[in-house]
PDB file of N, CA and C in Angstrom:
ATOM      1  N   MET A   1    -125.650-119.026 157.583  1.00  0.00           N
ATOM      2  CA  MET A   1    -126.720-118.180 158.083  1.00  0.00           C
ATOM      3  C   MET A   1    -126.616-116.820 157.405  1.00  0.00           C
ATOM      4  N   ALA A   2    -127.726-116.340 156.913  1.00  0.00           N
ATOM      5  CA  ALA A   2    -127.770-115.062 156.222  1.00  0.00           C
ATOM      6  C   ALA A   2    -127.812-113.912 157.222  1.00  0.00           C
ATOM      7  N   VAL A   3    -127.392-112.746 156.751  1.00  0.00           N
ATOM      8  CA  VAL A   3    -127.404-111.542 157.576  1.00  0.00           C
ATOM      9  C   VAL A   3    -128.284-110.513 156.882  1.00  0.00           C
ATOM     10  N   LEU A   4    -129.176-109.914 157.625  1.00  0.00           N
ATOM     11  CA  LEU A   4    -130.074-108.903 157.084  1.00  0.00           C
ATOM     12  C   LEU A   4    -129.427-107.533 157.225  1.00  0.00           C
ATOM     13  N   LYS A   5    -129.307-106.821 156.104  1.00  0.00           N
ATOM     14  CA  LYS A   5    -128.759-105.460 156.131  1.00  0.00           C
ATOM     15  C   LYS A   5    -129.812-104.521 155.556  1.00  0.00           C
ATOM     16  N   LEU A   6    -130.189-103.536 156.344  1.00  0.00           N
ATOM     17  CA  LEU A   6    -131.189-102.560 155.923  1.00  0.00           C
ATOM     18  C   LEU A   6    -130.613-101.159 156.026  1.00  0.00           C
ATOM     19  N   SER A   7    -130.988-100.293 155.083  1.00  0.00           N
ATOM     20  CA  SER A   7    -130.523 -98.910 155.155  1.00  0.00           C
ATOM     21  C   SER A   7    -131.304 -98.131 156.211  1.00  0.00           C
ATOM     22  N   LYS A   8    -132.574 -98.486 156.402  1.00  0.00           N
ATOM     23  CA  LYS A   8    -133.421 -97.862 157.417  1.00  0.00           C
ATOM     24  C   LYS A   8    -134.013 -98.952 158.300  1.00  0.00           C
ATOM     25  N   HIS A   9    -134.394 -98.580 159.503  1.00  0.00           N
ATOM     26  CA  HIS A   9    -135.040 -99.528 160.418  1.00  0.00           C
ATOM     27  C   HIS A   9    -136.403 -99.920 159.858  1.00  0.00           C
ATOM     28  N   ASP A  10    -136.610-101.218 159.675  1.00  0.00           N
ATOM     29  CA  ASP A  10    -137.882-101.722 159.164  1.00  0.00           C
ATOM     30  C   ASP A  10    -138.249-102.979 159.946  1.00  0.00           C
ATOM     31  N   GLU A  11    -139.086-102.800 160.949  1.00  0.00           N
ATOM     32  CA  GLU A  11    -139.443-103.898 161.848  1.00  0.00           C
ATOM     33  C   GLU A  11    -140.139-105.036 161.110  1.00  0.00           C
ATOM     34  N   ASN A  12    -140.990-104.705 160.143  1.00  0.00           N
ATOM     35  CA  ASN A  12    -141.710-105.745 159.403  1.00  0.00           C
ATOM     36  C   ASN A  12    -140.754-106.633 158.616  1.00  0.00           C
ATOM     37  N   ARG A  13    -139.776-106.041 157.982  1.00  0.00           N
ATOM     38  CA  ARG A  13    -138.801-106.843 157.229  1.00  0.00           C
ATOM     39  C   ARG A  13    -137.933-107.673 158.158  1.00  0.00           C
ATOM     40  N   GLU A  14    -137.619-107.146 159.340  1.00  0.00           N
ATOM     41  CA  GLU A  14    -136.837-107.914 160.317  1.00  0.00           C
ATOM     42  C   GLU A  14    -137.614-109.147 160.767  1.00  0.00           C
ATOM     43  N   ILE A  15    -138.892-108.970 161.063  1.00  0.00           N
ATOM     44  CA  ILE A  15    -139.731-110.089 161.500  1.00  0.00           C
ATOM     45  C   ILE A  15    -139.869-111.113 160.378  1.00  0.00           C
ATOM     46  N   GLU A  16    -140.093-110.637 159.166  1.00  0.00           N
ATOM     47  CA  GLU A  16    -140.210-111.533 158.013  1.00  0.00           C
ATOM     48  C   GLU A  16    -138.928-112.342 157.815  1.00  0.00           C
ATOM     49  N   PHE A  17    -137.786-111.690 157.970  1.00  0.00           N
ATOM     50  CA  PHE A  17    -136.493-112.359 157.845  1.00  0.00           C
ATOM     51  C   PHE A  17    -136.338-113.443 158.910  1.00  0.00           C
ATOM     52  N   GLU A  18    -136.676-113.114 160.150  1.00  0.00           N
ATOM     53  CA  GLU A  18    -136.579-114.082 161.248  1.00  0.00           C
ATOM     54  C   GLU A  18    -137.493-115.282 161.009  1.00  0.00           C
ATOM     55  N   LEU A  19    -138.716-115.023 160.581  1.00  0.00           N
ATOM     56  CA  LEU A  19    -139.657-116.120 160.340  1.00  0.00           C
ATOM     57  C   LEU A  19    -139.190-117.027 159.207  1.00  0.00           C
ATOM     58  N   LYS A  20    -138.664-116.443 158.141  1.00  0.00           N
ATOM     59  CA  LYS A  20    -138.140-117.259 157.040  1.00  0.00           C
ATOM     60  C   LYS A  20    -136.998-118.136 157.525  1.00  0.00           C
ATOM     61  N   TYR A  21    -136.128-117.567 158.344  1.00  0.00           N
ATOM     62  CA  TYR A  21    -135.002-118.340 158.874  1.00  0.00           C
ATOM     63  C   TYR A  21    -135.500-119.488 159.746  1.00  0.00           C
ATOM     64  N   LEU A  22    -136.414-119.193 160.670  1.00  0.00           N
ATOM     65  CA  LEU A  22    -136.919-120.233 161.564  1.00  0.00           C
ATOM     66  C   LEU A  22    -137.674-121.319 160.805  1.00  0.00           C
ATOM     67  N   LEU A  23    -138.394-120.952 159.760  1.00  0.00           N
ATOM     68  CA  LEU A  23    -139.110-121.945 158.963  1.00  0.00           C
ATOM     69  C   LEU A  23    -138.163-122.816 158.147  1.00  0.00           C
ATOM     70  N   SER A  24    -136.963-122.323 157.883  1.00  0.00           N
ATOM     71  CA  SER A  24    -135.991-123.114 157.126  1.00  0.00           C
ATOM     72  C   SER A  24    -135.346-124.192 157.990  1.00  0.00           C
ATOM     73  N   LEU A  25    -135.487-124.093 159.315  1.00  0.00           N
ATOM     74  CA  LEU A  25    -134.893-125.071 160.224  1.00  0.00           C
ATOM     75  C   LEU A  25    -135.828-126.260 160.421  1.00  0.00           C
ATOM     76  N   THR A  26    -135.232-127.393 160.746  1.00  0.00           N
ATOM     77  CA  THR A  26    -136.044-128.554 161.102  1.00  0.00           C
ATOM     78  C   THR A  26    -136.515-128.384 162.543  1.00  0.00           C
ATOM     79  N   THR A  27    -137.473-129.194 162.927  1.00  0.00           N
ATOM     80  CA  THR A  27    -137.966-129.145 164.303  1.00  0.00           C
ATOM     81  C   THR A  27    -136.838-129.449 165.273  1.00  0.00           C
ATOM     82  N   ARG A  28    -136.011-130.431 164.948  1.00  0.00           N
ATOM     83  CA  ARG A  28    -134.878-130.794 165.803  1.00  0.00           C
ATOM     84  C   ARG A  28    -133.921-129.611 165.975  1.00  0.00           C
ATOM     85  N   GLN A  29    -133.632-128.900 164.897  1.00  0.00           N
ATOM     86  CA  GLN A  29    -132.723-127.751 164.974  1.00  0.00           C
ATOM     87  C   GLN A  29    -133.307-126.645 165.843  1.00  0.00           C
ATOM     88  N   ARG A  30    -134.608-126.422 165.726  1.00  0.00           N
ATOM     89  CA  ARG A  30    -135.250-125.388 166.543  1.00  0.00           C
ATOM     90  C   ARG A  30    -135.188-125.736 168.024  1.00  0.00           C
ATOM     91  N   PHE A  31    -135.435-127.001 168.351  1.00  0.00           N
ATOM     92  CA  PHE A  31    -135.354-127.421 169.747  1.00  0.00           C
ATOM     93  C   PHE A  31    -133.923-127.341 170.262  1.00  0.00           C
ATOM     94  N   GLN A  32    -132.947-127.700 169.429  1.00  0.00           N
ATOM     95  CA  GLN A  32    -131.551-127.592 169.847  1.00  0.00           C
ATOM     96  C   GLN A  32    -131.192-126.143 170.150  1.00  0.00           C
ATOM     97  N   MET A  33    -131.649-125.219 169.309  1.00  0.00           N
ATOM     98  CA  MET A  33    -131.404-123.794 169.563  1.00  0.00           C
ATOM     99  C   MET A  33    -132.050-123.360 170.873  1.00  0.00           C
ATOM    100  N   MET A  34    -133.276-123.820 171.105  1.00  0.00           N
ATOM    101  CA  MET A  34    -134.002-123.452 172.319  1.00  0.00           C
ATOM    102  C   MET A  34    -133.277-123.969 173.559  1.00  0.00           C
ATOM    103  N   PHE A  35    -132.829-125.235 173.531  1.00  0.00           N
ATOM    104  CA  PHE A  35    -132.120-125.800 174.677  1.00  0.00           C
ATOM    105  C   PHE A  35    -130.785-125.100 174.904  1.00  0.00           C
ATOM    106  N   LYS A  36    -130.100-124.758 173.817  1.00  0.00           N
ATOM    107  CA  LYS A  36    -128.817-124.056 173.936  1.00  0.00           C
ATOM    108  C   LYS A  36    -129.014-122.686 174.588  1.00  0.00           C
ATOM    109  N   LYS A  37    -130.040-121.956 174.154  1.00  0.00           N
ATOM    110  CA  LYS A  37    -130.324-120.639 174.735  1.00  0.00           C
ATOM    111  C   LYS A  37    -130.744-120.752 176.199  1.00  0.00           C
ATOM    112  N   THR A  38    -131.504-121.797 176.523  1.00  0.00           N
ATOM    113  CA  THR A  38    -131.917-122.013 177.908  1.00  0.00           C
ATOM    114  C   THR A  38    -130.704-122.229 178.795  1.00  0.00           C
ATOM    115  N   GLN A  39    -129.766-123.054 178.335  1.00  0.00           N
ATOM    116  CA  GLN A  39    -128.544-123.297 179.103  1.00  0.00           C
ATOM    117  C   GLN A  39    -127.742-122.011 179.260  1.00  0.00           C
ATOM    118  N   GLU A  40    -127.661-121.224 178.194  1.00  0.00           N
ATOM    119  CA  GLU A  40    -126.927-119.959 178.251  1.00  0.00           C
ATOM    120  C   GLU A  40    -127.571-119.002 179.256  1.00  0.00           C
ATOM    121  N   MET A  41    -128.897-118.912 179.246  1.00  0.00           N
ATOM    122  CA  MET A  41    -129.597-118.019 180.171  1.00  0.00           C
ATOM    123  C   MET A  41    -129.422-118.472 181.613  1.00  0.00           C
ATOM    124  N   ARG A  42    -129.473-119.786 181.857  1.00  0.00           N
ATOM    125  CA  ARG A  42    -129.273-120.299 183.215  1.00  0.00           C
ATOM    126  C   ARG A  42    -127.859-120.008 183.696  1.00  0.00           C
ATOM    127  N   ARG A  43    -126.876-120.179 182.805  1.00  0.00           N
ATOM    128  CA  ARG A  43    -125.483-119.912 183.172  1.00  0.00           C
ATOM    129  C   ARG A  43    -125.303-118.434 183.521  1.00  0.00           C
ATOM    130  N   LEU A  44    -125.853-117.556 182.695  1.00  0.00           N
ATOM    131  CA  LEU A  44    -125.729-116.122 182.955  1.00  0.00           C
ATOM    132  C   LEU A  44    -126.481-115.713 184.221  1.00  0.00           C
ATOM    133  N   ALA A  45    -127.648-116.302 184.448  1.00  0.00           N
ATOM    134  CA  ALA A  45    -128.419-115.988 185.653  1.00  0.00           C
ATOM    135  C   ALA A  45    -127.642-116.398 186.895  1.00  0.00           C
ATOM    136  N   GLY A  46    -127.019-117.558 186.861  1.00  0.00           N
ATOM    137  CA  GLY A  46    -126.218-118.007 187.998  1.00  0.00           C
ATOM    138  C   GLY A  46    -124.989-117.148 188.200  1.00  0.00           C
ATOM    139  N   LYS A  47    -124.394-116.721 187.110  1.00  0.00           N
ATOM    140  CA  LYS A  47    -123.179-115.903 187.178  1.00  0.00           C
ATOM    141  C   LYS A  47    -123.460-114.538 187.802  1.00  0.00           C
ATOM    142  N   TYR A  48    -124.634-113.986 187.528  1.00  0.00           N
ATOM    143  CA  TYR A  48    -124.947-112.644 188.001  1.00  0.00           C
ATOM    144  C   TYR A  48    -125.907-112.625 189.186  1.00  0.00           C
ATOM    145  N   GLY A  49    -125.991-113.726 189.928  1.00  0.00           N
ATOM    146  CA  GLY A  49    -126.705-113.716 191.195  1.00  0.00           C
ATOM    147  C   GLY A  49    -128.150-114.135 191.171  1.00  0.00           C
ATOM    148  N   TYR A  50    -128.621-114.711 190.098  1.00  0.00           N
ATOM    149  CA  TYR A  50    -130.009-115.156 190.043  1.00  0.00           C
ATOM    150  C   TYR A  50    -130.062-116.668 189.873  1.00  0.00           C
ATOM    151  N   GLY A  51    -129.319-117.351 190.680  1.00  0.00           N
ATOM    152  CA  GLY A  51    -129.216-118.802 190.580  1.00  0.00           C
ATOM    153  C   GLY A  51    -130.361-119.516 191.250  1.00  0.00           C
ATOM    154  N   LYS A  52    -130.043-120.384 192.170  1.00  0.00           N
ATOM    155  CA  LYS A  52    -131.060-121.178 192.848  1.00  0.00           C
ATOM    156  C   LYS A  52    -131.908-120.281 193.746  1.00  0.00           C
ATOM    157  N   THR A  53    -133.131-120.718 193.938  1.00  0.00           N
ATOM    158  CA  THR A  53    -133.994-119.980 194.855  1.00  0.00           C
ATOM    159  C   THR A  53    -133.459-120.145 196.267  1.00  0.00           C
ATOM    160  N   THR A  54    -133.834-119.247 197.125  1.00  0.00           N
ATOM    161  CA  THR A  54    -133.343-119.324 198.502  1.00  0.00           C
ATOM    162  C   THR A  54    -133.862-120.587 199.158  1.00  0.00           C
ATOM    163  N   GLN A  55    -133.031-121.163 199.989  1.00  0.00           N
ATOM    164  CA  GLN A  55    -133.404-122.400 200.664  1.00  0.00           C
ATOM    165  C   GLN A  55    -133.822-122.088 202.092  1.00  0.00           C
ATOM    166  N   ILE A  56    -134.782-122.840 202.577  1.00  0.00           N
ATOM    167  CA  ILE A  56    -135.226-122.688 203.960  1.00  0.00           C
ATOM    168  C   ILE A  56    -134.323-123.549 204.831  1.00  0.00           C
ATOM    169  N   ILE A  57    -133.756-122.942 205.840  1.00  0.00           N
ATOM    170  CA  ILE A  57    -132.859-123.659 206.740  1.00  0.00           C
ATOM    171  C   ILE A  57    -133.642-124.049 207.981  1.00  0.00           C
ATOM    172  N   LYS A  58    -133.616-125.328 208.293  1.00  0.00           N
ATOM    173  CA  LYS A  58    -134.332-125.824 209.463  1.00  0.00           C
ATOM    174  C   LYS A  58    -133.532-125.474 210.711  1.00  0.00           C
ATOM    175  N   ARG A  59    -134.171-124.812 211.643  1.00  0.00           N
ATOM    176  CA  ARG A  59    -133.501-124.444 212.894  1.00  0.00           C
ATOM    177  C   ARG A  59    -133.734-125.535 213.925  1.00  0.00           C
ATOM    178  N   THR A  60    -132.687-125.853 214.637  1.00  0.00           N
ATOM    179  CA  THR A  60    -132.826-126.890 215.674  1.00  0.00           C
ATOM    180  C   THR A  60    -132.724-126.294 217.046  1.00  0.00           C
TER     181      THR A  60
END
């Protein structure tokens, strides 16, 4: 994986770099990255208190 190094902040070049990288991946690789990030976000959300939605407890 290549690394972009810029002397000044250039948002257009950053976006162009990202798009070139994503276009170089196969569809399968892109989906694998997406699923991996989804799992990471769910793990972090659960770790920091944003896990399952609140459950309704039936009162008897």
